Amino acid sequence: MKNKIVTIAAAVGLLAIAGCTVPAPYVSDFNGDSVDITVPLGAPVSSAYEMAAKTCNRAGKSKAELASSKPSGNYGDTEYLFLCLD
């Protein structure tokens, strides 16, 4: 019985830890000349720069330059606007 309780407690602990991951940033808008990257609370801002550069490169642009940032509709999230430049 004691072994079963320990196993259940360990499983519950692992589930709790699994729920604590930092959400990844995502592309919220892209039109070929600019890209909006939404960064959830707790995610590193540097990941927005990387994602913007990759997205702009796929459109044949050589770099992404940060133009502005603003709070998004979700609590704690920030939306970054990058311009895709040649």
C-alpha atoms as a PDB file:
ATOM      1  CA  MET A   1       0.000   0.000   0.000  1.00  0.00           C
ATOM      2  CA  LYS A   2       2.835   2.402   0.904  1.00  0.00           C
ATOM      3  CA  ASN A   3       4.557   1.661  -2.414  1.00  0.00           C
ATOM      4  CA  LYS A   4       1.363   2.518  -4.303  1.00  0.00           C
ATOM      5  CA  ILE A   5       1.048   5.877  -2.517  1.00  0.00           C
ATOM      6  CA  VAL A   6       4.663   6.760  -3.315  1.00  0.00           C
ATOM      7  CA  THR A   7       4.098   5.882  -6.977  1.00  0.00           C
ATOM      8  CA  ILE A   8       0.955   8.023  -7.165  1.00  0.00           C
ATOM      9  CA  ALA A   9       2.710  10.940  -5.431  1.00  0.00           C
ATOM     10  CA  ALA A  10       5.610  10.715  -7.885  1.00  0.00           C
ATOM     11  CA  ALA A  11       3.227  10.685 -10.858  1.00  0.00           C
ATOM     12  CA  VAL A  12       1.347  13.728  -9.557  1.00  0.00           C
ATOM     13  CA  GLY A  13       4.659  15.521  -8.987  1.00  0.00           C
ATOM     14  CA  LEU A  14       5.795  14.853 -12.550  1.00  0.00           C
ATOM     15  CA  LEU A  15       2.501  16.133 -13.937  1.00  0.00           C
ATOM     16  CA  ALA A  16       2.855  19.322 -11.901  1.00  0.00           C
ATOM     17  CA  ILE A  17       6.379  19.913 -13.200  1.00  0.00           C
ATOM     18  CA  ALA A  18       5.306  19.241 -16.794  1.00  0.00           C
ATOM     19  CA  GLY A  19       2.732  22.025 -16.520  1.00  0.00           C
ATOM     20  CA  CYS A  20       5.427  24.584 -15.669  1.00  0.00           C
ATOM     21  CA  THR A  21       7.015  24.918 -19.092  1.00  0.00           C
ATOM     22  CA  VAL A  22       7.452  28.364 -20.615  1.00  0.00           C
ATOM     23  CA  PRO A  23       5.246  28.782 -23.684  1.00  0.00           C
ATOM     24  CA  ALA A  24       7.059  29.452 -26.929  1.00  0.00           C
ATOM     25  CA  PRO A  25       6.683  32.674 -28.938  1.00  0.00           C
ATOM     26  CA  TYR A  26       4.652  32.460 -32.110  1.00  0.00           C
ATOM     27  CA  VAL A  27       4.047  34.368 -35.346  1.00  0.00           C
ATOM     28  CA  SER A  28       0.771  36.225 -34.925  1.00  0.00           C
ATOM     29  CA  ASP A  29       0.840  38.043 -38.288  1.00  0.00           C
ATOM     30  CA  PHE A  30       3.019  38.086 -41.398  1.00  0.00           C
ATOM     31  CA  ASN A  31       2.577  39.922 -44.704  1.00  0.00           C
ATOM     32  CA  GLY A  32       5.970  39.528 -46.403  1.00  0.00           C
ATOM     33  CA  ASP A  33       7.220  42.975 -45.372  1.00  0.00           C
ATOM     34  CA  SER A  34       6.638  42.724 -41.634  1.00  0.00           C
ATOM     35  CA  VAL A  35       6.076  40.071 -39.006  1.00  0.00           C
ATOM     36  CA  ASP A  36       4.384  40.221 -35.596  1.00  0.00           C
ATOM     37  CA  ILE A  37       5.816  37.874 -32.988  1.00  0.00           C
ATOM     38  CA  THR A  38       3.860  37.353 -29.771  1.00  0.00           C
ATOM     39  CA  VAL A  39       6.045  36.487 -26.798  1.00  0.00           C
ATOM     40  CA  PRO A  40       4.214  34.932 -23.841  1.00  0.00           C
ATOM     41  CA  LEU A  41       5.049  36.042 -20.311  1.00  0.00           C
ATOM     42  CA  GLY A  42       8.244  34.335 -19.187  1.00  0.00           C
ATOM     43  CA  ALA A  43       9.603  33.520 -22.648  1.00  0.00           C
ATOM     44  CA  PRO A  44      12.939  35.127 -23.578  1.00  0.00           C
ATOM     45  CA  VAL A  45      12.671  38.152 -25.871  1.00  0.00           C
ATOM     46  CA  SER A  46      15.710  36.922 -27.810  1.00  0.00           C
ATOM     47  CA  SER A  47      13.546  34.114 -29.147  1.00  0.00           C
ATOM     48  CA  ALA A  48      11.342  36.730 -30.851  1.00  0.00           C
ATOM     49  CA  TYR A  49      14.358  38.100 -32.721  1.00  0.00           C
ATOM     50  CA  GLU A  50      15.342  34.605 -33.858  1.00  0.00           C
ATOM     51  CA  MET A  51      11.821  33.743 -34.990  1.00  0.00           C
ATOM     52  CA  ALA A  52      11.441  37.051 -36.854  1.00  0.00           C
ATOM     53  CA  ALA A  53      14.748  36.544 -38.675  1.00  0.00           C
ATOM     54  CA  LYS A  54      13.767  33.020 -39.741  1.00  0.00           C
ATOM     55  CA  THR A  55      10.330  34.169 -40.901  1.00  0.00           C
ATOM     56  CA  CYS A  56      11.744  37.082 -42.912  1.00  0.00           C
ATOM     57  CA  ASN A  57      14.431  34.837 -44.439  1.00  0.00           C
ATOM     58  CA  ARG A  58      11.732  32.485 -45.725  1.00  0.00           C
ATOM     59  CA  ALA A  59      10.247  35.460 -47.591  1.00  0.00           C
ATOM     60  CA  GLY A  60      13.603  36.233 -49.228  1.00  0.00           C
ATOM     61  CA  LYS A  61      14.482  39.141 -46.949  1.00  0.00           C
ATOM     62  CA  SER A  62      17.952  39.326 -45.419  1.00  0.00           C
ATOM     63  CA  LYS A  63      17.139  40.625 -41.936  1.00  0.00           C
ATOM     64  CA  ALA A  64      14.442  41.549 -39.440  1.00  0.00           C
ATOM     65  CA  GLU A  65      14.541  44.869 -37.605  1.00  0.00           C
ATOM     66  CA  LEU A  66      12.472  45.620 -34.515  1.00  0.00           C
ATOM     67  CA  ALA A  67      10.035  48.475 -35.178  1.00  0.00           C
ATOM     68  CA  SER A  68       7.790  48.477 -32.101  1.00  0.00           C
ATOM     69  CA  SER A  69       6.321  46.500 -29.246  1.00  0.00           C
ATOM     70  CA  LYS A  70       3.014  46.583 -27.389  1.00  0.00           C
ATOM     71  CA  PRO A  71       1.088  44.506 -24.881  1.00  0.00           C
ATOM     72  CA  SER A  72      -1.068  41.922 -26.624  1.00  0.00           C
ATOM     73  CA  GLY A  73      -4.583  40.905 -25.674  1.00  0.00           C
ATOM     74  CA  ASN A  74      -3.386  38.037 -23.488  1.00  0.00           C
ATOM     75  CA  TYR A  75      -2.269  38.877 -19.956  1.00  0.00           C
ATOM     76  CA  GLY A  76       1.476  39.412 -19.805  1.00  0.00           C
ATOM     77  CA  ASP A  77       2.116  38.703 -23.490  1.00  0.00           C
ATOM     78  CA  THR A  78       3.983  41.231 -25.627  1.00  0.00           C
ATOM     79  CA  GLU A  79       3.671  41.610 -29.384  1.00  0.00           C
ATOM     80  CA  TYR A  80       6.788  42.685 -31.291  1.00  0.00           C
ATOM     81  CA  LEU A  81       6.580  44.144 -34.801  1.00  0.00           C
ATOM     82  CA  PHE A  82       9.607  43.475 -36.991  1.00  0.00           C
ATOM     83  CA  LEU A  83      10.213  44.920 -40.451  1.00  0.00           C
ATOM     84  CA  CYS A  84      11.630  42.489 -43.011  1.00  0.00           C
ATOM     85  CA  LEU A  85      14.443  44.262 -44.854  1.00  0.00           C
ATOM     86  CA  ASP A  86      16.583  43.396 -47.879  1.00  0.00           C
END
